[in-house]
Amino acid sequence: MPIDGDVWLEDPLHSSYPPSIAFKAAQMQDNKKAVLFLRNPRNGFLQKKNIAKWEHLEVAAKKVGLDAVQLKKDYEGKAKNLFEEDLKLAREYGKRISNDFLLDNSGNKEIVYGSKPYAFYETSVLKLHPKAIKMNTVKLGNTFAKYNSLTAKEFSELSGTPRAESEKQLNELATKGIFDKFTTKNGSIWIRKNTSQ
């Protein structure tokens, strides 16, 4: 996910917890919308938005069809408790940093420490579920039906399309007006038009 790190110079985040707590609140309403909600603040990094501020979280909630009033209530109440439970569980598993990835299958666990290439995550899933089959969503339409915004690398990984080819396809569709392309000094993201993302 490309970000514009200038946000830390212009309007630094005081903590990564607020968007995480808001995500827990979003999950209380709708798991599918919660995933879309999570993506909105992350996209905010591209626009140098301090995603720890409620005003940006509220906009993201409305964009994906969540009840922002209920989200705020849960954010200030039960979601904080749920997030604290997640932190406790993370400590119990020895999770070190926020981007460690933990999989648990009835007590059998796999942890990918830090940010790693996609293949590391696939390997961890296969260790716990050896019969799992990767579902490639090769067509752009299928991929963007599930994810309203993607980077070329994300599309490449999800679809099994070579990186250069995925960017070429995305650029062609942006030229045709099907997607918006948002470019920063650290990369680009394509956003499906007629979407709240």
N, C-alpha and C. Protein backbone atom coordinates (compact mmCIF):
# COMPACT_ATOMS: atom_id res chain seq x y z
N MET A 1 0.85 -1.17 0.00
CA MET A 1 0.00 0.00 0.00
C MET A 1 0.90 1.23 0.00
N PRO A 2 0.86 2.04 -1.04
CA PRO A 2 1.70 3.24 -1.03
C PRO A 2 1.14 4.25 -0.03
N ILE A 3 2.04 4.95 0.62
CA ILE A 3 1.63 6.00 1.55
C ILE A 3 2.47 7.23 1.28
N ASP A 4 1.97 8.37 1.71
CA ASP A 4 2.76 9.59 1.68
C ASP A 4 3.18 9.84 3.12
N GLY A 5 4.42 9.52 3.42
CA GLY A 5 4.93 9.62 4.79
C GLY A 5 4.99 11.03 5.33
N ASP A 6 4.75 12.04 4.49
CA ASP A 6 4.75 13.42 4.96
C ASP A 6 3.67 13.66 6.01
N VAL A 7 2.69 12.76 6.11
CA VAL A 7 1.67 12.91 7.13
C VAL A 7 2.31 12.98 8.51
N TRP A 8 3.42 12.28 8.71
CA TRP A 8 4.09 12.28 10.01
C TRP A 8 4.82 13.60 10.27
N LEU A 9 5.04 14.37 9.23
CA LEU A 9 5.64 15.69 9.39
C LEU A 9 4.56 16.77 9.52
N GLU A 10 3.46 16.61 8.80
CA GLU A 10 2.43 17.64 8.73
C GLU A 10 1.32 17.47 9.75
N ASP A 11 0.90 16.24 10.02
CA ASP A 11 -0.18 15.97 10.96
C ASP A 11 0.00 14.56 11.52
N PRO A 12 1.02 14.38 12.36
CA PRO A 12 1.38 13.03 12.80
C PRO A 12 0.30 12.34 13.63
N LEU A 13 0.20 11.03 13.43
CA LEU A 13 -0.72 10.21 14.19
C LEU A 13 -0.17 10.03 15.60
N HIS A 14 -1.01 10.22 16.60
CA HIS A 14 -0.56 10.03 17.98
C HIS A 14 -0.56 8.56 18.36
N SER A 15 -1.30 7.74 17.58
CA SER A 15 -1.40 6.32 17.90
C SER A 15 -2.02 5.59 16.72
N SER A 16 -1.71 4.32 16.60
CA SER A 16 -2.36 3.48 15.59
C SER A 16 -3.64 2.85 16.16
N TYR A 17 -3.90 3.03 17.43
CA TYR A 17 -5.04 2.40 18.06
C TYR A 17 -6.40 2.91 17.58
N PRO A 18 -6.61 4.23 17.40
CA PRO A 18 -7.96 4.68 17.01
C PRO A 18 -8.52 4.00 15.77
N PRO A 19 -7.77 3.88 14.64
CA PRO A 19 -8.37 3.18 13.51
C PRO A 19 -8.60 1.69 13.79
N SER A 20 -7.78 1.11 14.64
CA SER A 20 -7.97 -0.30 15.00
C SER A 20 -9.22 -0.48 15.85
N ILE A 21 -9.46 0.43 16.77
CA ILE A 21 -10.66 0.38 17.59
C ILE A 21 -11.89 0.62 16.72
N ALA A 22 -11.77 1.58 15.79
CA ALA A 22 -12.89 1.86 14.88
C ALA A 22 -13.20 0.63 14.02
N PHE A 23 -12.17 -0.11 13.62
CA PHE A 23 -12.40 -1.34 12.86
C PHE A 23 -13.19 -2.35 13.68
N LYS A 24 -12.85 -2.48 14.96
CA LYS A 24 -13.61 -3.39 15.83
C LYS A 24 -15.07 -2.93 15.91
N ALA A 25 -15.28 -1.62 16.00
CA ALA A 25 -16.65 -1.09 16.03
C ALA A 25 -17.37 -1.39 14.73
N ALA A 26 -16.66 -1.27 13.61
CA ALA A 26 -17.26 -1.57 12.31
C ALA A 26 -17.63 -3.05 12.21
N GLN A 27 -16.78 -3.92 12.74
CA GLN A 27 -17.08 -5.35 12.72
C GLN A 27 -18.36 -5.66 13.49
N MET A 28 -18.65 -4.88 14.51
CA MET A 28 -19.86 -5.09 15.30
C MET A 28 -21.12 -4.85 14.46
N GLN A 29 -20.99 -4.02 13.42
CA GLN A 29 -22.12 -3.74 12.54
C GLN A 29 -22.19 -4.71 11.37
N ASP A 30 -21.05 -4.94 10.69
CA ASP A 30 -21.07 -5.73 9.46
C ASP A 30 -19.63 -6.08 9.08
N ASN A 31 -19.32 -7.37 9.09
CA ASN A 31 -17.94 -7.80 8.81
C ASN A 31 -17.46 -7.40 7.42
N LYS A 32 -18.31 -7.54 6.41
CA LYS A 32 -17.90 -7.19 5.04
C LYS A 32 -17.66 -5.70 4.91
N LYS A 33 -18.55 -4.91 5.46
CA LYS A 33 -18.37 -3.46 5.42
C LYS A 33 -17.16 -3.04 6.24
N ALA A 34 -16.87 -3.79 7.30
CA ALA A 34 -15.71 -3.47 8.14
C ALA A 34 -14.42 -3.58 7.35
N VAL A 35 -14.32 -4.58 6.48
CA VAL A 35 -13.12 -4.74 5.65
C VAL A 35 -12.99 -3.56 4.70
N LEU A 36 -14.10 -3.16 4.08
CA LEU A 36 -14.07 -1.99 3.21
C LEU A 36 -13.76 -0.73 4.00
N PHE A 37 -14.31 -0.65 5.19
CA PHE A 37 -14.05 0.49 6.07
C PHE A 37 -12.56 0.61 6.38
N LEU A 38 -11.94 -0.50 6.71
CA LEU A 38 -10.52 -0.50 7.04
C LEU A 38 -9.68 0.04 5.90
N ARG A 39 -10.07 -0.28 4.69
CA ARG A 39 -9.32 0.16 3.52
C ARG A 39 -9.39 1.67 3.34
N ASN A 40 -10.52 2.29 3.68
CA ASN A 40 -10.67 3.73 3.50
C ASN A 40 -9.65 4.54 4.28
N PRO A 41 -9.49 4.31 5.59
CA PRO A 41 -8.44 5.06 6.28
C PRO A 41 -7.04 4.77 5.73
N ARG A 42 -6.79 3.53 5.34
CA ARG A 42 -5.48 3.23 4.76
C ARG A 42 -5.26 4.05 3.49
N ASN A 43 -6.32 4.18 2.68
CA ASN A 43 -6.20 5.02 1.49
C ASN A 43 -5.96 6.47 1.88
N GLY A 44 -6.44 6.86 3.06
CA GLY A 44 -6.22 8.22 3.54
C GLY A 44 -4.76 8.57 3.69
N PHE A 45 -3.92 7.57 3.92
CA PHE A 45 -2.48 7.82 3.99
C PHE A 45 -1.96 8.42 2.69
N LEU A 46 -2.59 8.05 1.58
CA LEU A 46 -2.16 8.60 0.29
C LEU A 46 -2.39 10.10 0.21
N GLN A 47 -3.38 10.58 0.95
CA GLN A 47 -3.74 11.99 0.92
C GLN A 47 -3.24 12.71 2.17
N LYS A 48 -2.31 12.08 2.87
CA LYS A 48 -1.69 12.63 4.07
C LYS A 48 -2.72 12.98 5.15
N LYS A 49 -3.70 12.11 5.31
CA LYS A 49 -4.71 12.30 6.34
C LYS A 49 -4.29 11.56 7.61
N ASN A 50 -4.47 12.22 8.72
CA ASN A 50 -4.22 11.60 10.01
C ASN A 50 -5.42 10.70 10.33
N ILE A 51 -5.27 9.43 10.05
CA ILE A 51 -6.39 8.50 10.17
C ILE A 51 -6.71 8.12 11.62
N ALA A 52 -5.99 8.72 12.56
CA ALA A 52 -6.33 8.51 13.96
C ALA A 52 -7.39 9.50 14.42
N LYS A 53 -7.72 10.49 13.58
CA LYS A 53 -8.72 11.49 13.94
C LYS A 53 -10.12 10.97 13.60
N TRP A 54 -11.05 11.21 14.53
CA TRP A 54 -12.41 10.72 14.34
C TRP A 54 -13.03 11.23 13.05
N GLU A 55 -12.78 12.48 12.68
CA GLU A 55 -13.42 13.06 11.49
C GLU A 55 -13.14 12.22 10.24
N HIS A 56 -11.95 11.66 10.12
CA HIS A 56 -11.62 10.83 8.96
C HIS A 56 -12.24 9.44 9.08
N LEU A 57 -12.30 8.92 10.29
CA LEU A 57 -12.92 7.62 10.51
C LEU A 57 -14.43 7.70 10.24
N GLU A 58 -15.03 8.79 10.63
CA GLU A 58 -16.47 8.98 10.40
C GLU A 58 -16.78 9.03 8.91
N VAL A 59 -15.96 9.76 8.15
CA VAL A 59 -16.15 9.84 6.69
C VAL A 59 -16.02 8.45 6.07
N ALA A 60 -15.01 7.70 6.52
CA ALA A 60 -14.80 6.34 5.99
C ALA A 60 -16.01 5.46 6.30
N ALA A 61 -16.57 5.59 7.49
CA ALA A 61 -17.74 4.78 7.87
C ALA A 61 -18.91 5.09 6.96
N LYS A 62 -19.15 6.35 6.72
CA LYS A 62 -20.28 6.75 5.87
C LYS A 62 -20.08 6.28 4.44
N LYS A 63 -18.84 6.30 3.97
CA LYS A 63 -18.55 5.89 2.59
C LYS A 63 -18.92 4.44 2.32
N VAL A 64 -18.80 3.61 3.33
CA VAL A 64 -19.08 2.18 3.11
C VAL A 64 -20.45 1.76 3.63
N GLY A 65 -21.24 2.73 4.05
CA GLY A 65 -22.60 2.43 4.46
C GLY A 65 -22.77 1.99 5.90
N LEU A 66 -21.80 2.29 6.75
CA LEU A 66 -21.96 1.99 8.17
C LEU A 66 -22.72 3.12 8.85
N ASP A 67 -23.37 2.83 9.95
CA ASP A 67 -24.05 3.82 10.75
C ASP A 67 -22.99 4.53 11.59
N ALA A 68 -22.63 5.75 11.20
CA ALA A 68 -21.53 6.48 11.85
C ALA A 68 -21.86 6.82 13.30
N VAL A 69 -23.12 7.08 13.61
CA VAL A 69 -23.51 7.40 14.98
C VAL A 69 -23.30 6.17 15.86
N GLN A 70 -23.74 5.00 15.39
CA GLN A 70 -23.55 3.77 16.16
C GLN A 70 -22.06 3.43 16.25
N LEU A 71 -21.33 3.67 15.15
CA LEU A 71 -19.89 3.40 15.16
C LEU A 71 -19.21 4.20 16.25
N LYS A 72 -19.54 5.47 16.38
CA LYS A 72 -18.95 6.34 17.40
C LYS A 72 -19.28 5.81 18.79
N LYS A 73 -20.52 5.42 19.00
CA LYS A 73 -20.94 4.87 20.30
C LYS A 73 -20.13 3.61 20.63
N ASP A 74 -20.03 2.69 19.67
CA ASP A 74 -19.27 1.46 19.89
C ASP A 74 -17.78 1.74 20.03
N TYR A 75 -17.28 2.69 19.25
CA TYR A 75 -15.87 3.10 19.28
C TYR A 75 -15.49 3.57 20.67
N GLU A 76 -16.39 4.30 21.29
CA GLU A 76 -16.11 4.84 22.63
C GLU A 76 -16.46 3.85 23.74
N GLY A 77 -17.07 2.74 23.39
CA GLY A 77 -17.50 1.78 24.40
C GLY A 77 -16.96 0.39 24.16
N LYS A 78 -17.84 -0.49 23.69
CA LYS A 78 -17.52 -1.92 23.60
C LYS A 78 -16.34 -2.23 22.68
N ALA A 79 -16.17 -1.48 21.61
CA ALA A 79 -15.07 -1.75 20.68
C ALA A 79 -13.70 -1.60 21.36
N LYS A 80 -13.61 -0.67 22.29
CA LYS A 80 -12.35 -0.51 23.03
C LYS A 80 -12.03 -1.77 23.81
N ASN A 81 -13.07 -2.34 24.44
CA ASN A 81 -12.88 -3.58 25.20
C ASN A 81 -12.47 -4.73 24.28
N LEU A 82 -13.12 -4.81 23.12
CA LEU A 82 -12.77 -5.87 22.17
C LEU A 82 -11.34 -5.72 21.67
N PHE A 83 -10.94 -4.48 21.44
CA PHE A 83 -9.57 -4.22 21.00
C PHE A 83 -8.56 -4.61 22.10
N GLU A 84 -8.88 -4.28 23.34
CA GLU A 84 -8.02 -4.66 24.46
C GLU A 84 -7.88 -6.18 24.54
N GLU A 85 -8.98 -6.90 24.27
CA GLU A 85 -8.92 -8.36 24.25
C GLU A 85 -7.99 -8.85 23.14
N ASP A 86 -8.03 -8.19 21.99
CA ASP A 86 -7.12 -8.54 20.89
C ASP A 86 -5.67 -8.31 21.29
N LEU A 87 -5.41 -7.19 21.95
CA LEU A 87 -4.04 -6.90 22.40
C LEU A 87 -3.55 -7.95 23.39
N LYS A 88 -4.44 -8.35 24.30
CA LYS A 88 -4.09 -9.37 25.29
C LYS A 88 -3.76 -10.69 24.58
N LEU A 89 -4.60 -11.07 23.63
CA LEU A 89 -4.37 -12.30 22.87
C LEU A 89 -3.04 -12.22 22.11
N ALA A 90 -2.76 -11.08 21.53
CA ALA A 90 -1.51 -10.90 20.80
C ALA A 90 -0.31 -11.10 21.73
N ARG A 91 -0.39 -10.53 22.92
CA ARG A 91 0.71 -10.71 23.89
C ARG A 91 0.87 -12.17 24.27
N GLU A 92 -0.26 -12.87 24.46
CA GLU A 92 -0.20 -14.29 24.81
C GLU A 92 0.50 -15.12 23.74
N TYR A 93 0.31 -14.72 22.49
CA TYR A 93 0.94 -15.43 21.37
C TYR A 93 2.36 -14.94 21.09
N GLY A 94 2.81 -13.94 21.82
CA GLY A 94 4.16 -13.43 21.60
C GLY A 94 4.27 -12.52 20.40
N LYS A 95 3.15 -11.98 19.99
CA LYS A 95 3.15 -11.07 18.85
C LYS A 95 3.91 -9.82 19.23
N ARG A 96 4.85 -9.41 18.36
CA ARG A 96 5.76 -8.34 18.72
C ARG A 96 5.34 -6.97 18.19
N ILE A 97 4.95 -6.90 16.95
CA ILE A 97 4.64 -5.60 16.34
C ILE A 97 3.29 -5.67 15.64
N SER A 98 2.77 -4.51 15.30
CA SER A 98 1.40 -4.47 14.79
C SER A 98 1.22 -5.14 13.44
N ASN A 99 2.26 -5.29 12.66
CA ASN A 99 2.05 -5.94 11.36
C ASN A 99 2.50 -7.40 11.36
N ASP A 100 2.63 -7.99 12.54
CA ASP A 100 2.78 -9.44 12.60
C ASP A 100 1.43 -10.05 12.22
N PHE A 101 1.47 -11.22 11.58
CA PHE A 101 0.26 -11.87 11.08
C PHE A 101 0.12 -13.19 11.80
N LEU A 102 -0.98 -13.38 12.50
CA LEU A 102 -1.20 -14.58 13.31
C LEU A 102 -2.35 -15.39 12.74
N LEU A 103 -2.11 -16.69 12.56
CA LEU A 103 -3.15 -17.64 12.16
C LEU A 103 -3.25 -18.67 13.27
N ASP A 104 -4.46 -19.01 13.65
CA ASP A 104 -4.67 -20.00 14.70
C ASP A 104 -5.76 -20.96 14.23
N ASN A 105 -5.43 -22.25 14.24
CA ASN A 105 -6.38 -23.29 13.86
C ASN A 105 -6.48 -24.25 15.03
N SER A 106 -7.41 -23.99 15.92
CA SER A 106 -7.65 -24.85 17.09
C SER A 106 -6.38 -25.10 17.89
N GLY A 107 -5.63 -24.04 18.14
CA GLY A 107 -4.41 -24.16 18.95
C GLY A 107 -3.14 -24.32 18.15
N ASN A 108 -3.23 -24.76 16.91
CA ASN A 108 -2.05 -24.80 16.05
C ASN A 108 -1.90 -23.40 15.46
N LYS A 109 -0.71 -22.82 15.61
CA LYS A 109 -0.57 -21.44 15.18
C LYS A 109 0.63 -21.25 14.27
N GLU A 110 0.51 -20.24 13.48
CA GLU A 110 1.57 -19.78 12.59
C GLU A 110 1.64 -18.27 12.73
N ILE A 111 2.84 -17.73 12.87
CA ILE A 111 3.01 -16.30 12.93
C ILE A 111 4.01 -15.89 11.86
N VAL A 112 3.65 -14.89 11.06
CA VAL A 112 4.57 -14.28 10.11
C VAL A 112 4.96 -12.95 10.75
N TYR A 113 6.23 -12.83 11.08
CA TYR A 113 6.70 -11.63 11.77
C TYR A 113 7.06 -10.53 10.78
N GLY A 114 6.45 -9.37 10.98
CA GLY A 114 6.76 -8.21 10.15
C GLY A 114 6.14 -8.31 8.76
N SER A 115 6.47 -7.36 7.94
CA SER A 115 5.95 -7.31 6.58
C SER A 115 6.78 -8.24 5.69
N LYS A 116 6.10 -9.15 5.03
CA LYS A 116 6.77 -10.15 4.18
C LYS A 116 6.07 -10.24 2.83
N PRO A 117 6.73 -10.81 1.85
CA PRO A 117 6.05 -11.05 0.56
C PRO A 117 4.85 -11.98 0.76
N TYR A 118 3.90 -11.86 -0.13
CA TYR A 118 2.62 -12.59 -0.06
C TYR A 118 2.83 -14.10 0.10
N ALA A 119 3.85 -14.64 -0.52
CA ALA A 119 4.09 -16.08 -0.47
C ALA A 119 4.29 -16.58 0.97
N PHE A 120 4.83 -15.76 1.85
CA PHE A 120 5.02 -16.17 3.25
C PHE A 120 3.66 -16.43 3.91
N TYR A 121 2.69 -15.58 3.60
CA TYR A 121 1.36 -15.74 4.18
C TYR A 121 0.68 -16.99 3.62
N GLU A 122 0.83 -17.21 2.32
CA GLU A 122 0.26 -18.42 1.71
C GLU A 122 0.86 -19.67 2.35
N THR A 123 2.16 -19.68 2.55
CA THR A 123 2.83 -20.83 3.16
C THR A 123 2.29 -21.10 4.56
N SER A 124 2.07 -20.03 5.32
CA SER A 124 1.52 -20.20 6.68
C SER A 124 0.13 -20.80 6.65
N VAL A 125 -0.70 -20.33 5.72
CA VAL A 125 -2.05 -20.89 5.59
C VAL A 125 -1.97 -22.36 5.24
N LEU A 126 -1.09 -22.71 4.31
CA LEU A 126 -0.97 -24.11 3.87
C LEU A 126 -0.42 -25.03 4.97
N LYS A 127 0.38 -24.49 5.86
CA LYS A 127 0.86 -25.31 6.98
C LYS A 127 -0.30 -25.72 7.88
N LEU A 128 -1.24 -24.82 8.08
CA LEU A 128 -2.38 -25.11 8.93
C LEU A 128 -3.52 -25.81 8.18
N HIS A 129 -3.60 -25.53 6.89
CA HIS A 129 -4.67 -26.10 6.05
C HIS A 129 -4.04 -26.61 4.75
N PRO A 130 -3.37 -27.78 4.79
CA PRO A 130 -2.64 -28.28 3.62
C PRO A 130 -3.49 -28.48 2.37
N LYS A 131 -4.79 -28.65 2.53
CA LYS A 131 -5.65 -28.88 1.37
C LYS A 131 -6.26 -27.59 0.82
N ALA A 132 -5.90 -26.46 1.41
CA ALA A 132 -6.45 -25.17 0.94
C ALA A 132 -6.01 -24.93 -0.50
N ILE A 133 -6.91 -24.38 -1.28
CA ILE A 133 -6.63 -24.08 -2.68
C ILE A 133 -6.77 -22.58 -2.88
N LYS A 134 -5.73 -21.99 -3.45
CA LYS A 134 -5.76 -20.56 -3.72
C LYS A 134 -6.74 -20.28 -4.86
N MET A 135 -7.61 -19.31 -4.63
CA MET A 135 -8.57 -18.92 -5.66
C MET A 135 -8.07 -17.65 -6.32
N ASN A 136 -7.60 -17.75 -7.54
CA ASN A 136 -7.19 -16.57 -8.28
C ASN A 136 -8.41 -15.88 -8.86
N THR A 137 -8.45 -14.59 -8.71
CA THR A 137 -9.52 -13.78 -9.31
C THR A 137 -8.90 -13.04 -10.48
N VAL A 138 -8.63 -13.78 -11.54
CA VAL A 138 -7.84 -13.28 -12.65
C VAL A 138 -8.45 -12.06 -13.32
N LYS A 139 -9.75 -12.01 -13.42
CA LYS A 139 -10.37 -10.90 -14.13
C LYS A 139 -10.46 -9.67 -13.25
N LEU A 140 -10.16 -8.53 -13.84
CA LEU A 140 -10.22 -7.28 -13.11
C LEU A 140 -11.59 -7.04 -12.49
N GLY A 141 -12.64 -7.29 -13.26
CA GLY A 141 -13.99 -7.07 -12.77
C GLY A 141 -14.28 -7.86 -11.52
N ASN A 142 -13.86 -9.12 -11.50
CA ASN A 142 -14.08 -9.96 -10.32
C ASN A 142 -13.32 -9.43 -9.11
N THR A 143 -12.08 -9.02 -9.35
CA THR A 143 -11.24 -8.53 -8.27
C THR A 143 -11.81 -7.24 -7.70
N PHE A 144 -12.18 -6.31 -8.59
CA PHE A 144 -12.68 -5.03 -8.12
C PHE A 144 -14.11 -5.11 -7.61
N ALA A 145 -14.80 -6.20 -7.86
CA ALA A 145 -16.12 -6.40 -7.25
C ALA A 145 -15.96 -6.64 -5.76
N LYS A 146 -14.83 -7.24 -5.39
CA LYS A 146 -14.57 -7.52 -3.98
C LYS A 146 -13.78 -6.40 -3.31
N TYR A 147 -12.82 -5.85 -4.03
CA TYR A 147 -11.97 -4.79 -3.51
C TYR A 147 -12.17 -3.55 -4.37
N ASN A 148 -12.62 -2.47 -3.76
CA ASN A 148 -12.90 -1.26 -4.53
C ASN A 148 -11.66 -0.50 -4.94
N SER A 149 -10.56 -0.77 -4.29
CA SER A 149 -9.30 -0.11 -4.65
C SER A 149 -8.16 -1.10 -4.48
N LEU A 150 -7.21 -1.01 -5.39
CA LEU A 150 -6.05 -1.91 -5.35
C LEU A 150 -4.83 -1.22 -5.92
N THR A 151 -3.68 -1.64 -5.44
CA THR A 151 -2.43 -1.26 -6.08
C THR A 151 -2.12 -2.31 -7.15
N ALA A 152 -1.19 -1.99 -8.03
CA ALA A 152 -0.82 -2.95 -9.07
C ALA A 152 -0.23 -4.21 -8.44
N LYS A 153 0.53 -4.05 -7.38
CA LYS A 153 1.12 -5.23 -6.72
C LYS A 153 0.03 -6.09 -6.10
N GLU A 154 -0.97 -5.46 -5.47
CA GLU A 154 -2.06 -6.24 -4.89
C GLU A 154 -2.82 -7.00 -5.97
N PHE A 155 -3.14 -6.32 -7.07
CA PHE A 155 -3.84 -7.00 -8.15
C PHE A 155 -3.00 -8.14 -8.70
N SER A 156 -1.70 -7.91 -8.83
CA SER A 156 -0.78 -8.93 -9.32
C SER A 156 -0.82 -10.17 -8.43
N GLU A 157 -0.75 -9.96 -7.11
CA GLU A 157 -0.75 -11.08 -6.16
C GLU A 157 -2.10 -11.82 -6.16
N LEU A 158 -3.19 -11.07 -6.17
CA LEU A 158 -4.51 -11.68 -6.12
C LEU A 158 -4.85 -12.45 -7.38
N SER A 159 -4.38 -11.96 -8.51
CA SER A 159 -4.78 -12.54 -9.78
C SER A 159 -3.75 -13.49 -10.38
N GLY A 160 -2.53 -13.46 -9.85
CA GLY A 160 -1.48 -14.27 -10.45
C GLY A 160 -0.95 -13.66 -11.75
N THR A 161 -1.28 -12.41 -11.99
CA THR A 161 -0.82 -11.70 -13.18
C THR A 161 0.53 -11.08 -12.89
N PRO A 162 1.49 -11.17 -13.82
CA PRO A 162 2.78 -10.52 -13.58
C PRO A 162 2.60 -9.03 -13.28
N ARG A 163 3.44 -8.51 -12.42
CA ARG A 163 3.33 -7.13 -11.92
C ARG A 163 3.22 -6.11 -13.05
N ALA A 164 4.09 -6.18 -14.03
CA ALA A 164 4.09 -5.21 -15.13
C ALA A 164 2.78 -5.30 -15.92
N GLU A 165 2.29 -6.51 -16.12
CA GLU A 165 1.03 -6.70 -16.86
C GLU A 165 -0.15 -6.16 -16.07
N SER A 166 -0.14 -6.36 -14.76
CA SER A 166 -1.25 -5.87 -13.94
C SER A 166 -1.31 -4.35 -14.00
N GLU A 167 -0.18 -3.70 -13.93
CA GLU A 167 -0.17 -2.23 -14.00
C GLU A 167 -0.63 -1.74 -15.38
N LYS A 168 -0.23 -2.46 -16.41
CA LYS A 168 -0.65 -2.10 -17.77
C LYS A 168 -2.17 -2.19 -17.90
N GLN A 169 -2.75 -3.29 -17.40
CA GLN A 169 -4.20 -3.46 -17.47
C GLN A 169 -4.93 -2.37 -16.69
N LEU A 170 -4.44 -2.06 -15.51
CA LEU A 170 -5.06 -1.03 -14.69
C LEU A 170 -4.98 0.34 -15.35
N ASN A 171 -3.82 0.64 -15.93
CA ASN A 171 -3.66 1.92 -16.61
C ASN A 171 -4.60 2.04 -17.81
N GLU A 172 -4.76 0.96 -18.56
CA GLU A 172 -5.66 0.99 -19.72
C GLU A 172 -7.10 1.28 -19.28
N LEU A 173 -7.52 0.67 -18.19
CA LEU A 173 -8.87 0.89 -17.70
C LEU A 173 -9.04 2.29 -17.10
N ALA A 174 -7.98 2.83 -16.55
CA ALA A 174 -8.03 4.21 -16.06
C ALA A 174 -8.15 5.17 -17.24
N THR A 175 -7.43 4.88 -18.32
CA THR A 175 -7.50 5.72 -19.52
C THR A 175 -8.91 5.69 -20.10
N LYS A 176 -9.57 4.55 -20.01
CA LYS A 176 -10.95 4.42 -20.52
C LYS A 176 -11.98 5.03 -19.56
N GLY A 177 -11.53 5.48 -18.40
CA GLY A 177 -12.44 6.11 -17.45
C GLY A 177 -13.17 5.15 -16.54
N ILE A 178 -12.77 3.90 -16.51
CA ILE A 178 -13.43 2.91 -15.66
C ILE A 178 -12.93 2.99 -14.22
N PHE A 179 -11.64 3.31 -14.07
CA PHE A 179 -11.02 3.46 -12.76
C PHE A 179 -10.37 4.83 -12.66
N ASP A 180 -10.27 5.31 -11.45
CA ASP A 180 -9.47 6.49 -11.17
C ASP A 180 -8.12 6.02 -10.68
N LYS A 181 -7.09 6.68 -11.14
CA LYS A 181 -5.74 6.36 -10.69
C LYS A 181 -5.26 7.51 -9.82
N PHE A 182 -4.84 7.19 -8.61
CA PHE A 182 -4.33 8.18 -7.70
C PHE A 182 -2.86 7.87 -7.47
N THR A 183 -1.99 8.83 -7.83
CA THR A 183 -0.55 8.61 -7.75
C THR A 183 0.09 9.55 -6.74
N THR A 184 0.95 8.98 -5.93
CA THR A 184 1.75 9.76 -5.00
C THR A 184 3.21 9.52 -5.33
N LYS A 185 4.08 10.16 -4.60
CA LYS A 185 5.51 9.96 -4.82
C LYS A 185 5.96 8.54 -4.49
N ASN A 186 5.11 7.78 -3.78
CA ASN A 186 5.47 6.43 -3.36
C ASN A 186 4.68 5.32 -4.05
N GLY A 187 3.91 5.66 -5.07
CA GLY A 187 3.18 4.62 -5.78
C GLY A 187 1.79 5.06 -6.16
N SER A 188 1.08 4.16 -6.81
CA SER A 188 -0.27 4.45 -7.31
C SER A 188 -1.27 3.45 -6.76
N ILE A 189 -2.52 3.90 -6.76
CA ILE A 189 -3.63 3.04 -6.40
C ILE A 189 -4.75 3.33 -7.39
N TRP A 190 -5.47 2.27 -7.78
CA TRP A 190 -6.58 2.41 -8.72
C TRP A 190 -7.86 2.21 -7.94
N ILE A 191 -8.81 3.11 -8.14
CA ILE A 191 -10.06 3.07 -7.41
C ILE A 191 -11.21 2.95 -8.41
N ARG A 192 -12.05 1.96 -8.20
CA ARG A 192 -13.18 1.73 -9.09
C ARG A 192 -14.13 2.92 -9.02
N LYS A 193 -14.54 3.40 -10.17
CA LYS A 193 -15.47 4.55 -10.21
C LYS A 193 -16.84 4.12 -9.74
N ASN A 194 -17.66 5.09 -9.38
CA ASN A 194 -19.00 4.84 -8.87
C ASN A 194 -18.97 3.99 -7.61
N THR A 195 -18.00 4.27 -6.78
CA THR A 195 -17.87 3.56 -5.52
C THR A 195 -17.59 4.55 -4.43
N SER A 196 -17.86 4.17 -3.22
CA SER A 196 -17.59 5.04 -2.09
C SER A 196 -16.15 4.97 -1.64
N GLN A 197 -15.38 4.10 -2.23
CA GLN A 197 -13.99 3.98 -1.83
C GLN A 197 -13.22 5.13 -2.39
